[in-house]
């Protein structure tokens, strides 16, 4: 058993699944930062972003699944982690709702 590879894989899985639940406990604070009412918070942050996250994620999963037969799996794993987590990291610099929407969609 290669403990270094195992540790890196465990960290990657943690990061991948952590971003899915990152916003949920903070929706009220995020809405306050954007000046949203409770209704806008529920609609935009709880609805639109969540749907967009999964609407891009579903076709991405199908494409990545097909690529596992064509591309070296280690390389594919690294690329998908970078492509998915890069936008998640960039949400640190968001100042407007549309920026958050685009980046969370790309994270999906």
PDB file of N, CA and C in Angstrom:
ATOM      1  N   UNK A   1       0.844  -1.185   0.000  1.00  0.00           N
ATOM      2  CA  UNK A   1       0.000   0.000   0.000  1.00  0.00           C
ATOM      3  C   UNK A   1       0.887   1.246   0.000  1.00  0.00           C
ATOM      4  N   UNK A   2       0.639   2.126  -0.936  1.00  0.00           N
ATOM      5  CA  UNK A   2       1.392   3.381  -1.037  1.00  0.00           C
ATOM      6  C   UNK A   2       0.653   4.446  -0.229  1.00  0.00           C
ATOM      7  N   UNK A   3       1.172   4.756   0.958  1.00  0.00           N
ATOM      8  CA  UNK A   3       0.490   5.676   1.869  1.00  0.00           C
ATOM      9  C   UNK A   3       0.458   7.103   1.347  1.00  0.00           C
ATOM     10  N   UNK A   4       1.463   7.514   0.587  1.00  0.00           N
ATOM     11  CA  UNK A   4       1.459   8.859   0.000  1.00  0.00           C
ATOM     12  C   UNK A   4       0.324   9.007  -1.010  1.00  0.00           C
ATOM     13  N   UNK A   5       0.185   8.007  -1.875  1.00  0.00           N
ATOM     14  CA  UNK A   5      -0.891   8.043  -2.874  1.00  0.00           C
ATOM     15  C   UNK A   5      -2.250   7.995  -2.182  1.00  0.00           C
ATOM     16  N   UNK A   6      -2.349   7.154  -1.154  1.00  0.00           N
ATOM     17  CA  UNK A   6      -3.603   7.054  -0.411  1.00  0.00           C
ATOM     18  C   UNK A   6      -3.960   8.385   0.247  1.00  0.00           C
ATOM     19  N   UNK A   7      -2.972   9.038   0.858  1.00  0.00           N
ATOM     20  CA  UNK A   7      -3.203  10.325   1.507  1.00  0.00           C
ATOM     21  C   UNK A   7      -3.635  11.397   0.524  1.00  0.00           C
ATOM     22  N   UNK A   8      -2.987  11.439  -0.634  1.00  0.00           N
ATOM     23  CA  UNK A   8      -3.372  12.412  -1.665  1.00  0.00           C
ATOM     24  C   UNK A   8      -4.779  12.145  -2.188  1.00  0.00           C
ATOM     25  N   UNK A   9      -5.096  10.881  -2.397  1.00  0.00           N
ATOM     26  CA  UNK A   9      -6.435  10.528  -2.875  1.00  0.00           C
ATOM     27  C   UNK A   9      -7.494  10.879  -1.829  1.00  0.00           C
ATOM     28  N   UNK A  10      -7.226  10.611  -0.564  1.00  0.00           N
ATOM     29  CA  UNK A  10      -8.168  10.950   0.506  1.00  0.00           C
ATOM     30  C   UNK A  10      -8.376  12.456   0.585  1.00  0.00           C
ATOM     31  N   UNK A  11      -7.298  13.227   0.456  1.00  0.00           N
ATOM     32  CA  UNK A  11      -7.408  14.688   0.479  1.00  0.00           C
ATOM     33  C   UNK A  11      -8.215  15.187  -0.710  1.00  0.00           C
ATOM     34  N   UNK A  12      -8.001  14.593  -1.873  1.00  0.00           N
ATOM     35  CA  UNK A  12      -8.742  14.992  -3.074  1.00  0.00           C
ATOM     36  C   UNK A  12     -10.231  14.711  -2.911  1.00  0.00           C
ATOM     37  N   UNK A  13     -10.570  13.563  -2.384  1.00  0.00           N
ATOM     38  CA  UNK A  13     -11.983  13.220  -2.163  1.00  0.00           C
ATOM     39  C   UNK A  13     -12.605  14.180  -1.163  1.00  0.00           C
ATOM     40  N   UNK A  14     -11.880  14.513  -0.112  1.00  0.00           N
ATOM     41  CA  UNK A  14     -12.377  15.460   0.883  1.00  0.00           C
ATOM     42  C   UNK A  14     -12.697  16.804   0.236  1.00  0.00           C
ATOM     43  N   UNK A  15     -11.780  17.308  -0.570  1.00  0.00           N
ATOM     44  CA  UNK A  15     -11.963  18.604  -1.221  1.00  0.00           C
ATOM     45  C   UNK A  15     -13.140  18.558  -2.196  1.00  0.00           C
ATOM     46  N   UNK A  16     -13.242  17.475  -2.950  1.00  0.00           N
ATOM     47  CA  UNK A  16     -14.324  17.357  -3.935  1.00  0.00           C
ATOM     48  C   UNK A  16     -15.685  17.388  -3.257  1.00  0.00           C
ATOM     49  N   UNK A  17     -15.847  16.648  -2.173  1.00  0.00           N
ATOM     50  CA  UNK A  17     -17.147  16.595  -1.516  1.00  0.00           C
ATOM     51  C   UNK A  17     -17.399  17.782  -0.591  1.00  0.00           C
ATOM     52  N   UNK A  18     -16.359  18.421  -0.110  1.00  0.00           N
ATOM     53  CA  UNK A  18     -16.524  19.557   0.799  1.00  0.00           C
ATOM     54  C   UNK A  18     -17.180  20.735   0.099  1.00  0.00           C
ATOM     55  N   UNK A  19     -16.841  20.971  -1.176  1.00  0.00           N
ATOM     56  CA  UNK A  19     -17.379  22.150  -1.854  1.00  0.00           C
ATOM     57  C   UNK A  19     -18.873  22.048  -2.120  1.00  0.00           C
ATOM     58  N   UNK A  20     -19.418  20.834  -2.148  1.00  0.00           N
ATOM     59  CA  UNK A  20     -20.851  20.684  -2.396  1.00  0.00           C
ATOM     60  C   UNK A  20     -21.690  21.241  -1.253  1.00  0.00           C
ATOM     61  N   UNK A  21     -21.171  21.193  -0.051  1.00  0.00           N
ATOM     62  CA  UNK A  21     -21.914  21.665   1.117  1.00  0.00           C
ATOM     63  C   UNK A  21     -21.312  22.937   1.709  1.00  0.00           C
ATOM     64  N   UNK A  22     -20.485  23.602   0.955  1.00  0.00           N
ATOM     65  CA  UNK A  22     -19.786  24.773   1.456  1.00  0.00           C
ATOM     66  C   UNK A  22     -20.712  25.960   1.693  1.00  0.00           C
ATOM     67  N   UNK A  23     -21.662  26.182   0.801  1.00  0.00           N
ATOM     68  CA  UNK A  23     -22.512  27.368   0.891  1.00  0.00           C
ATOM     69  C   UNK A  23     -23.689  27.210   1.847  1.00  0.00           C
ATOM     70  N   UNK A  24     -24.216  26.016   1.970  1.00  0.00           N
ATOM     71  CA  UNK A  24     -25.468  25.802   2.700  1.00  0.00           C
ATOM     72  C   UNK A  24     -25.524  26.458   4.085  1.00  0.00           C
ATOM     73  N   UNK A  25     -24.555  26.274   4.938  1.00  0.00           N
ATOM     74  CA  UNK A  25     -24.666  26.891   6.271  1.00  0.00           C
ATOM     75  C   UNK A  25     -24.416  28.403   6.266  1.00  0.00           C
ATOM     76  N   UNK A  26     -24.006  28.938   5.137  1.00  0.00           N
ATOM     77  CA  UNK A  26     -23.650  30.356   5.069  1.00  0.00           C
ATOM     78  C   UNK A  26     -24.558  31.178   4.160  1.00  0.00           C
ATOM     79  N   UNK A  27     -25.692  30.645   3.758  1.00  0.00           N
ATOM     80  CA  UNK A  27     -26.565  31.337   2.803  1.00  0.00           C
ATOM     81  C   UNK A  27     -27.033  32.701   3.308  1.00  0.00           C
ATOM     82  N   UNK A  28     -27.369  32.791   4.568  1.00  0.00           N
ATOM     83  CA  UNK A  28     -27.852  34.063   5.113  1.00  0.00           C
ATOM     84  C   UNK A  28     -26.756  35.120   5.092  1.00  0.00           C
ATOM     85  N   UNK A  29     -25.534  34.746   5.456  1.00  0.00           N
ATOM     86  CA  UNK A  29     -24.420  35.704   5.434  1.00  0.00           C
ATOM     87  C   UNK A  29     -24.072  36.124   4.003  1.00  0.00           C
ATOM     88  N   UNK A  30     -24.119  35.178   3.075  1.00  0.00           N
ATOM     89  CA  UNK A  30     -23.845  35.497   1.668  1.00  0.00           C
ATOM     90  C   UNK A  30     -24.922  36.437   1.133  1.00  0.00           C
ATOM     91  N   UNK A  31     -26.181  36.140   1.453  1.00  0.00           N
ATOM     92  CA  UNK A  31     -27.290  36.993   1.009  1.00  0.00           C
ATOM     93  C   UNK A  31     -27.143  38.397   1.571  1.00  0.00           C
ATOM     94  N   UNK A  32     -26.726  38.494   2.813  1.00  0.00           N
ATOM     95  CA  UNK A  32     -26.514  39.809   3.436  1.00  0.00           C
ATOM     96  C   UNK A  32     -25.421  40.587   2.694  1.00  0.00           C
ATOM     97  N   UNK A  33     -24.339  39.902   2.325  1.00  0.00           N
ATOM     98  CA  UNK A  33     -23.249  40.553   1.589  1.00  0.00           C
ATOM     99  C   UNK A  33     -23.716  41.104   0.240  1.00  0.00           C
ATOM    100  N   UNK A  34     -24.640  40.399  -0.408  1.00  0.00           N
ATOM    101  CA  UNK A  34     -25.149  40.845  -1.706  1.00  0.00           C
ATOM    102  C   UNK A  34     -26.364  41.766  -1.579  1.00  0.00           C
ATOM    103  N   UNK A  35     -26.861  41.953  -0.364  1.00  0.00           N
ATOM    104  CA  UNK A  35     -28.022  42.807  -0.149  1.00  0.00           C
ATOM    105  C   UNK A  35     -29.332  42.158  -0.568  1.00  0.00           C
ATOM    106  N   UNK A  36     -29.405  40.832  -0.489  1.00  0.00           N
ATOM    107  CA  UNK A  36     -30.611  40.099  -0.894  1.00  0.00           C
ATOM    108  C   UNK A  36     -31.633  40.064   0.241  1.00  0.00           C
ATOM    109  N   UNK A  37     -32.898  40.055  -0.141  1.00  0.00           N
ATOM    110  CA  UNK A  37     -33.970  39.794   0.820  1.00  0.00           C
ATOM    111  C   UNK A  37     -34.003  38.287   1.083  1.00  0.00           C
ATOM    112  N   UNK A  38     -34.832  37.866   2.043  1.00  0.00           N
ATOM    113  CA  UNK A  38     -34.945  36.429   2.327  1.00  0.00           C
ATOM    114  C   UNK A  38     -35.456  35.674   1.102  1.00  0.00           C
ATOM    115  N   UNK A  39     -36.381  36.275   0.381  1.00  0.00           N
ATOM    116  CA  UNK A  39     -36.931  35.624  -0.820  1.00  0.00           C
ATOM    117  C   UNK A  39     -35.864  35.488  -1.915  1.00  0.00           C
ATOM    118  N   UNK A  40     -35.077  36.555  -2.115  1.00  0.00           N
ATOM    119  CA  UNK A  40     -34.002  36.494  -3.106  1.00  0.00           C
ATOM    120  C   UNK A  40     -32.940  35.471  -2.693  1.00  0.00           C
ATOM    121  N   UNK A  41     -32.652  35.407  -1.402  1.00  0.00           N
ATOM    122  CA  UNK A  41     -31.689  34.422  -0.895  1.00  0.00           C
ATOM    123  C   UNK A  41     -32.129  33.014  -1.257  1.00  0.00           C
ATOM    124  N   UNK A  42     -33.391  32.711  -0.972  1.00  0.00           N
ATOM    125  CA  UNK A  42     -33.892  31.367  -1.250  1.00  0.00           C
ATOM    126  C   UNK A  42     -33.915  31.069  -2.741  1.00  0.00           C
ATOM    127  N   UNK A  43     -34.316  32.056  -3.529  1.00  0.00           N
ATOM    128  CA  UNK A  43     -34.429  31.857  -4.970  1.00  0.00           C
ATOM    129  C   UNK A  43     -33.067  31.777  -5.652  1.00  0.00           C
ATOM    130  N   UNK A  44     -32.214  32.753  -5.396  1.00  0.00           N
ATOM    131  CA  UNK A  44     -30.939  32.824  -6.111  1.00  0.00           C
ATOM    132  C   UNK A  44     -29.886  31.884  -5.528  1.00  0.00           C
ATOM    133  N   UNK A  45     -29.683  31.931  -4.232  1.00  0.00           N
ATOM    134  CA  UNK A  45     -28.626  31.132  -3.625  1.00  0.00           C
ATOM    135  C   UNK A  45     -29.061  29.693  -3.367  1.00  0.00           C
ATOM    136  N   UNK A  46     -30.282  29.532  -2.909  1.00  0.00           N
ATOM    137  CA  UNK A  46     -30.765  28.185  -2.613  1.00  0.00           C
ATOM    138  C   UNK A  46     -31.296  27.442  -3.823  1.00  0.00           C
ATOM    139  N   UNK A  47     -31.713  28.176  -4.867  1.00  0.00           N
ATOM    140  CA  UNK A  47     -32.306  27.538  -6.033  1.00  0.00           C
ATOM    141  C   UNK A  47     -31.454  27.596  -7.277  1.00  0.00           C
ATOM    142  N   UNK A  48     -31.247  28.799  -7.796  1.00  0.00           N
ATOM    143  CA  UNK A  48     -30.565  28.950  -9.086  1.00  0.00           C
ATOM    144  C   UNK A  48     -29.148  28.383  -9.076  1.00  0.00           C
ATOM    145  N   UNK A  49     -28.383  28.715  -8.072  1.00  0.00           N
ATOM    146  CA  UNK A  49     -26.997  28.234  -8.030  1.00  0.00           C
ATOM    147  C   UNK A  49     -26.946  26.719  -7.856  1.00  0.00           C
ATOM    148  N   UNK A  50     -27.818  26.179  -7.028  1.00  0.00           N
ATOM    149  CA  UNK A  50     -27.823  24.728  -6.813  1.00  0.00           C
ATOM    150  C   UNK A  50     -28.186  23.977  -8.095  1.00  0.00           C
ATOM    151  N   UNK A  51     -29.185  24.466  -8.804  1.00  0.00           N
ATOM    152  CA  UNK A  51     -29.593  23.818 -10.055  1.00  0.00           C
ATOM    153  C   UNK A  51     -28.480  23.913 -11.094  1.00  0.00           C
ATOM    154  N   UNK A  52     -27.872  25.094 -11.232  1.00  0.00           N
ATOM    155  CA  UNK A  52     -26.799  25.277 -12.208  1.00  0.00           C
ATOM    156  C   UNK A  52     -25.603  24.381 -11.871  1.00  0.00           C
ATOM    157  N   UNK A  53     -25.296  24.236 -10.601  1.00  0.00           N
ATOM    158  CA  UNK A  53     -24.194  23.381 -10.136  1.00  0.00           C
ATOM    159  C   UNK A  53     -24.384  21.960 -10.671  1.00  0.00           C
ATOM    160  N   UNK A  54     -25.588  21.443 -10.527  1.00  0.00           N
ATOM    161  CA  UNK A  54     -25.838  20.062 -10.945  1.00  0.00           C
ATOM    162  C   UNK A  54     -26.128  19.934 -12.437  1.00  0.00           C
ATOM    163  N   UNK A  55     -26.638  20.974 -13.074  1.00  0.00           N
ATOM    164  CA  UNK A  55     -26.884  20.901 -14.514  1.00  0.00           C
ATOM    165  C   UNK A  55     -25.578  20.811 -15.306  1.00  0.00           C
ATOM    166  N   UNK A  56     -24.541  21.432 -14.835  1.00  0.00           N
ATOM    167  CA  UNK A  56     -23.241  21.290 -15.495  1.00  0.00           C
ATOM    168  C   UNK A  56     -22.542  20.025 -15.018  1.00  0.00           C
ATOM    169  N   UNK A  57     -22.729  19.674 -13.764  1.00  0.00           N
ATOM    170  CA  UNK A  57     -22.068  18.497 -13.204  1.00  0.00           C
ATOM    171  C   UNK A  57     -22.513  17.195 -13.833  1.00  0.00           C
ATOM    172  N   UNK A  58     -23.784  17.079 -14.185  1.00  0.00           N
ATOM    173  CA  UNK A  58     -24.289  15.834 -14.770  1.00  0.00           C
ATOM    174  C   UNK A  58     -23.640  15.527 -16.112  1.00  0.00           C
ATOM    175  N   UNK A  59     -23.681  16.439 -17.103  1.00  0.00           N
ATOM    176  CA  UNK A  59     -23.010  16.106 -18.362  1.00  0.00           C
ATOM    177  C   UNK A  59     -21.498  15.930 -18.192  1.00  0.00           C
ATOM    178  N   UNK A  60     -20.904  16.685 -17.262  1.00  0.00           N
ATOM    179  CA  UNK A  60     -19.465  16.537 -17.020  1.00  0.00           C
ATOM    180  C   UNK A  60     -19.149  15.128 -16.541  1.00  0.00           C
ATOM    181  N   UNK A  61     -19.989  14.581 -15.665  1.00  0.00           N
ATOM    182  CA  UNK A  61     -19.779  13.211 -15.180  1.00  0.00           C
ATOM    183  C   UNK A  61     -19.877  12.194 -16.312  1.00  0.00           C
ATOM    184  N   UNK A  62     -20.824  12.398 -17.215  1.00  0.00           N
ATOM    185  CA  UNK A  62     -20.966  11.479 -18.347  1.00  0.00           C
ATOM    186  C   UNK A  62     -19.750  11.539 -19.266  1.00  0.00           C
ATOM    187  N   UNK A  63     -19.265  12.737 -19.518  1.00  0.00           N
ATOM    188  CA  UNK A  63     -18.082  12.900 -20.377  1.00  0.00           C
ATOM    189  C   UNK A  63     -16.843  12.300 -19.711  1.00  0.00           C
ATOM    190  N   UNK A  64     -16.670  12.593 -18.442  1.00  0.00           N
ATOM    191  CA  UNK A  64     -15.513  12.058 -17.711  1.00  0.00           C
ATOM    192  C   UNK A  64     -15.585  10.539 -17.645  1.00  0.00           C
ATOM    193  N   UNK A  65     -16.779  10.006 -17.462  1.00  0.00           N
ATOM    194  CA  UNK A  65     -16.949   8.556 -17.454  1.00  0.00           C
ATOM    195  C   UNK A  65     -16.526   7.932 -18.772  1.00  0.00           C
ATOM    196  N   UNK A  66     -16.887   8.553 -19.879  1.00  0.00           N
ATOM    197  CA  UNK A  66     -16.489   8.043 -21.191  1.00  0.00           C
ATOM    198  C   UNK A  66     -14.979   8.178 -21.397  1.00  0.00           C
ATOM    199  N   UNK A  67     -14.396   9.234 -20.866  1.00  0.00           N
ATOM    200  CA  UNK A  67     -12.960   9.462 -21.031  1.00  0.00           C
ATOM    201  C   UNK A  67     -12.102   8.469 -20.252  1.00  0.00           C
ATOM    202  N   UNK A  68     -12.665   7.814 -19.245  1.00  0.00           N
ATOM    203  CA  UNK A  68     -11.871   6.863 -18.465  1.00  0.00           C
ATOM    204  C   UNK A  68     -11.396   5.693 -19.306  1.00  0.00           C
ATOM    205  N   UNK A  69     -12.075   5.421 -20.416  1.00  0.00           N
ATOM    206  CA  UNK A  69     -11.647   4.346 -21.311  1.00  0.00           C
ATOM    207  C   UNK A  69     -10.595   4.807 -22.313  1.00  0.00           C
ATOM    208  N   UNK A  70     -10.390   6.115 -22.416  1.00  0.00           N
ATOM    209  CA  UNK A  70      -9.516   6.671 -23.447  1.00  0.00           C
ATOM    210  C   UNK A  70      -8.258   7.304 -22.855  1.00  0.00           C
ATOM    211  N   UNK A  71      -8.407   7.990 -21.731  1.00  0.00           N
ATOM    212  CA  UNK A  71      -7.325   8.774 -21.135  1.00  0.00           C
ATOM    213  C   UNK A  71      -6.797   8.041 -19.908  1.00  0.00           C
ATOM    214  N   UNK A  72      -5.509   8.211 -19.621  1.00  0.00           N
ATOM    215  CA  UNK A  72      -4.925   7.632 -18.415  1.00  0.00           C
ATOM    216  C   UNK A  72      -5.679   8.154 -17.192  1.00  0.00           C
ATOM    217  N   UNK A  73      -6.104   7.270 -16.330  1.00  0.00           N
ATOM    218  CA  UNK A  73      -6.995   7.647 -15.225  1.00  0.00           C
ATOM    219  C   UNK A  73      -6.373   8.596 -14.224  1.00  0.00           C
ATOM    220  N   UNK A  74      -5.104   8.452 -13.943  1.00  0.00           N
ATOM    221  CA  UNK A  74      -4.449   9.371 -13.005  1.00  0.00           C
ATOM    222  C   UNK A  74      -4.468  10.791 -13.567  1.00  0.00           C
ATOM    223  N   UNK A  75      -4.143  10.912 -14.841  1.00  0.00           N
ATOM    224  CA  UNK A  75      -4.136  12.231 -15.479  1.00  0.00           C
ATOM    225  C   UNK A  75      -5.549  12.817 -15.499  1.00  0.00           C
ATOM    226  N   UNK A  76      -6.531  11.989 -15.782  1.00  0.00           N
ATOM    227  CA  UNK A  76      -7.926  12.446 -15.806  1.00  0.00           C
ATOM    228  C   UNK A  76      -8.379  12.902 -14.421  1.00  0.00           C
ATOM    229  N   UNK A  77      -7.982  12.176 -13.396  1.00  0.00           N
ATOM    230  CA  UNK A  77      -8.342  12.549 -12.029  1.00  0.00           C
ATOM    231  C   UNK A  77      -7.759  13.904 -11.658  1.00  0.00           C
ATOM    232  N   UNK A  78      -6.486  14.098 -11.949  1.00  0.00           N
ATOM    233  CA  UNK A  78      -5.836  15.370 -11.632  1.00  0.00           C
ATOM    234  C   UNK A  78      -6.500  16.518 -12.397  1.00  0.00           C
ATOM    235  N   UNK A  79      -6.775  16.305 -13.666  1.00  0.00           N
ATOM    236  CA  UNK A  79      -7.403  17.363 -14.482  1.00  0.00           C
ATOM    237  C   UNK A  79      -8.796  17.713 -13.967  1.00  0.00           C
ATOM    238  N   UNK A  80      -9.580  16.716 -13.620  1.00  0.00           N
ATOM    239  CA  UNK A  80     -10.935  17.001 -13.145  1.00  0.00           C
ATOM    240  C   UNK A  80     -10.915  17.694 -11.783  1.00  0.00           C
ATOM    241  N   UNK A  81      -9.979  17.336 -10.935  1.00  0.00           N
ATOM    242  CA  UNK A  81      -9.872  18.016  -9.634  1.00  0.00           C
ATOM    243  C   UNK A  81      -9.500  19.478  -9.845  1.00  0.00           C
ATOM    244  N   UNK A  82      -8.522  19.728 -10.706  1.00  0.00           N
ATOM    245  CA  UNK A  82      -8.110  21.108 -10.963  1.00  0.00           C
ATOM    246  C   UNK A  82      -9.222  21.918 -11.630  1.00  0.00           C
ATOM    247  N   UNK A  83      -9.901  21.325 -12.608  1.00  0.00           N
ATOM    248  CA  UNK A  83     -10.985  22.032 -13.297  1.00  0.00           C
ATOM    249  C   UNK A  83     -12.172  22.301 -12.381  1.00  0.00           C
ATOM    250  N   UNK A  84     -12.437  21.390 -11.469  1.00  0.00           N
ATOM    251  CA  UNK A  84     -13.569  21.557 -10.567  1.00  0.00           C
ATOM    252  C   UNK A  84     -13.278  22.427  -9.364  1.00  0.00           C
ATOM    253  N   UNK A  85     -12.060  22.324  -8.849  1.00  0.00           N
ATOM    254  CA  UNK A  85     -11.742  23.053  -7.625  1.00  0.00           C
ATOM    255  C   UNK A  85     -11.158  24.430  -7.881  1.00  0.00           C
ATOM    256  N   UNK A  86     -10.648  24.672  -9.082  1.00  0.00           N
ATOM    257  CA  UNK A  86     -10.152  26.005  -9.427  1.00  0.00           C
ATOM    258  C   UNK A  86     -11.226  27.073  -9.278  1.00  0.00           C
ATOM    259  N   UNK A  87     -12.394  26.877  -9.917  1.00  0.00           N
ATOM    260  CA  UNK A  87     -13.463  27.860  -9.737  1.00  0.00           C
ATOM    261  C   UNK A  87     -13.941  27.974  -8.290  1.00  0.00           C
ATOM    262  N   UNK A  88     -13.918  26.867  -7.571  1.00  0.00           N
ATOM    263  CA  UNK A  88     -14.316  26.913  -6.162  1.00  0.00           C
ATOM    264  C   UNK A  88     -13.375  27.822  -5.380  1.00  0.00           C
ATOM    265  N   UNK A  89     -12.090  27.714  -5.634  1.00  0.00           N
ATOM    266  CA  UNK A  89     -11.115  28.568  -4.967  1.00  0.00           C
ATOM    267  C   UNK A  89     -11.294  30.033  -5.359  1.00  0.00           C
ATOM    268  N   UNK A  90     -11.647  30.281  -6.616  1.00  0.00           N
ATOM    269  CA  UNK A  90     -11.827  31.654  -7.087  1.00  0.00           C
ATOM    270  C   UNK A  90     -13.036  32.353  -6.463  1.00  0.00           C
ATOM    271  N   UNK A  91     -13.948  31.599  -5.854  1.00  0.00           N
ATOM    272  CA  UNK A  91     -15.093  32.233  -5.202  1.00  0.00           C
ATOM    273  C   UNK A  91     -14.663  33.125  -4.035  1.00  0.00           C
ATOM    274  N   UNK A  92     -13.425  32.976  -3.595  1.00  0.00           N
ATOM    275  CA  UNK A  92     -12.902  33.865  -2.549  1.00  0.00           C
ATOM    276  C   UNK A  92     -12.909  35.328  -2.985  1.00  0.00           C
ATOM    277  N   UNK A  93     -12.819  35.570  -4.289  1.00  0.00           N
ATOM    278  CA  UNK A  93     -12.681  36.927  -4.816  1.00  0.00           C
ATOM    279  C   UNK A  93     -13.972  37.501  -5.391  1.00  0.00           C
ATOM    280  N   UNK A  94     -15.085  36.806  -5.194  1.00  0.00           N
ATOM    281  CA  UNK A  94     -16.370  37.225  -5.742  1.00  0.00           C
ATOM    282  C   UNK A  94     -16.866  38.494  -5.058  1.00  0.00           C
ATOM    283  N   UNK A  95     -17.372  39.428  -5.873  1.00  0.00           N
ATOM    284  CA  UNK A  95     -17.970  40.646  -5.317  1.00  0.00           C
ATOM    285  C   UNK A  95     -19.392  40.852  -5.817  1.00  0.00           C
ATOM    286  N   UNK A  96     -19.803  40.096  -6.837  1.00  0.00           N
ATOM    287  CA  UNK A  96     -21.142  40.242  -7.401  1.00  0.00           C
ATOM    288  C   UNK A  96     -21.779  38.871  -7.564  1.00  0.00           C
ATOM    289  N   UNK A  97     -23.113  38.865  -7.564  1.00  0.00           N
ATOM    290  CA  UNK A  97     -23.842  37.603  -7.648  1.00  0.00           C
ATOM    291  C   UNK A  97     -23.514  36.832  -8.909  1.00  0.00           C
ATOM    292  N   UNK A  98     -23.454  37.496 -10.075  1.00  0.00           N
ATOM    293  CA  UNK A  98     -23.218  36.780 -11.325  1.00  0.00           C
ATOM    294  C   UNK A  98     -21.859  36.072 -11.304  1.00  0.00           C
ATOM    295  N   UNK A  99     -20.868  36.646 -10.618  1.00  0.00           N
ATOM    296  CA  UNK A  99     -19.564  35.993 -10.504  1.00  0.00           C
ATOM    297  C   UNK A  99     -19.687  34.696  -9.695  1.00  0.00           C
ATOM    298  N   UNK A 100     -20.419  34.771  -8.596  1.00  0.00           N
ATOM    299  CA  UNK A 100     -20.644  33.586  -7.777  1.00  0.00           C
ATOM    300  C   UNK A 100     -21.396  32.528  -8.568  1.00  0.00           C
ATOM    301  N   UNK A 101     -22.414  32.946  -9.308  1.00  0.00           N
ATOM    302  CA  UNK A 101     -23.215  32.024 -10.109  1.00  0.00           C
ATOM    303  C   UNK A 101     -22.331  31.288 -11.121  1.00  0.00           C
ATOM    304  N   UNK A 102     -21.520  32.018 -11.849  1.00  0.00           N
ATOM    305  CA  UNK A 102     -20.656  31.416 -12.885  1.00  0.00           C
ATOM    306  C   UNK A 102     -19.654  30.451 -12.246  1.00  0.00           C
ATOM    307  N   UNK A 103     -18.999  30.882 -11.180  1.00  0.00           N
ATOM    308  CA  UNK A 103     -17.972  30.043 -10.566  1.00  0.00           C
ATOM    309  C   UNK A 103     -18.561  28.799  -9.910  1.00  0.00           C
ATOM    310  N   UNK A 104     -19.699  28.930  -9.260  1.00  0.00           N
ATOM    311  CA  UNK A 104     -20.319  27.745  -8.656  1.00  0.00           C
ATOM    312  C   UNK A 104     -20.830  26.787  -9.724  1.00  0.00           C
ATOM    313  N   UNK A 105     -21.290  27.341 -10.847  1.00  0.00           N
ATOM    314  CA  UNK A 105     -21.712  26.488 -11.953  1.00  0.00           C
ATOM    315  C   UNK A 105     -20.504  25.699 -12.480  1.00  0.00           C
ATOM    316  N   UNK A 106     -19.391  26.369 -12.672  1.00  0.00           N
ATOM    317  CA  UNK A 106     -18.185  25.702 -13.163  1.00  0.00           C
ATOM    318  C   UNK A 106     -17.630  24.695 -12.156  1.00  0.00           C
ATOM    319  N   UNK A 107     -17.886  24.905 -10.887  1.00  0.00           N
ATOM    320  CA  UNK A 107     -17.459  23.955  -9.871  1.00  0.00           C
ATOM    321  C   UNK A 107     -18.228  22.642 -10.005  1.00  0.00           C
ATOM    322  N   UNK A 108     -19.483  22.747 -10.431  1.00  0.00           N
ATOM    323  CA  UNK A 108     -20.336  21.571 -10.595  1.00  0.00           C
ATOM    324  C   UNK A 108     -19.723  20.568 -11.521  1.00  0.00           C
TER     325      UNK A 108
END
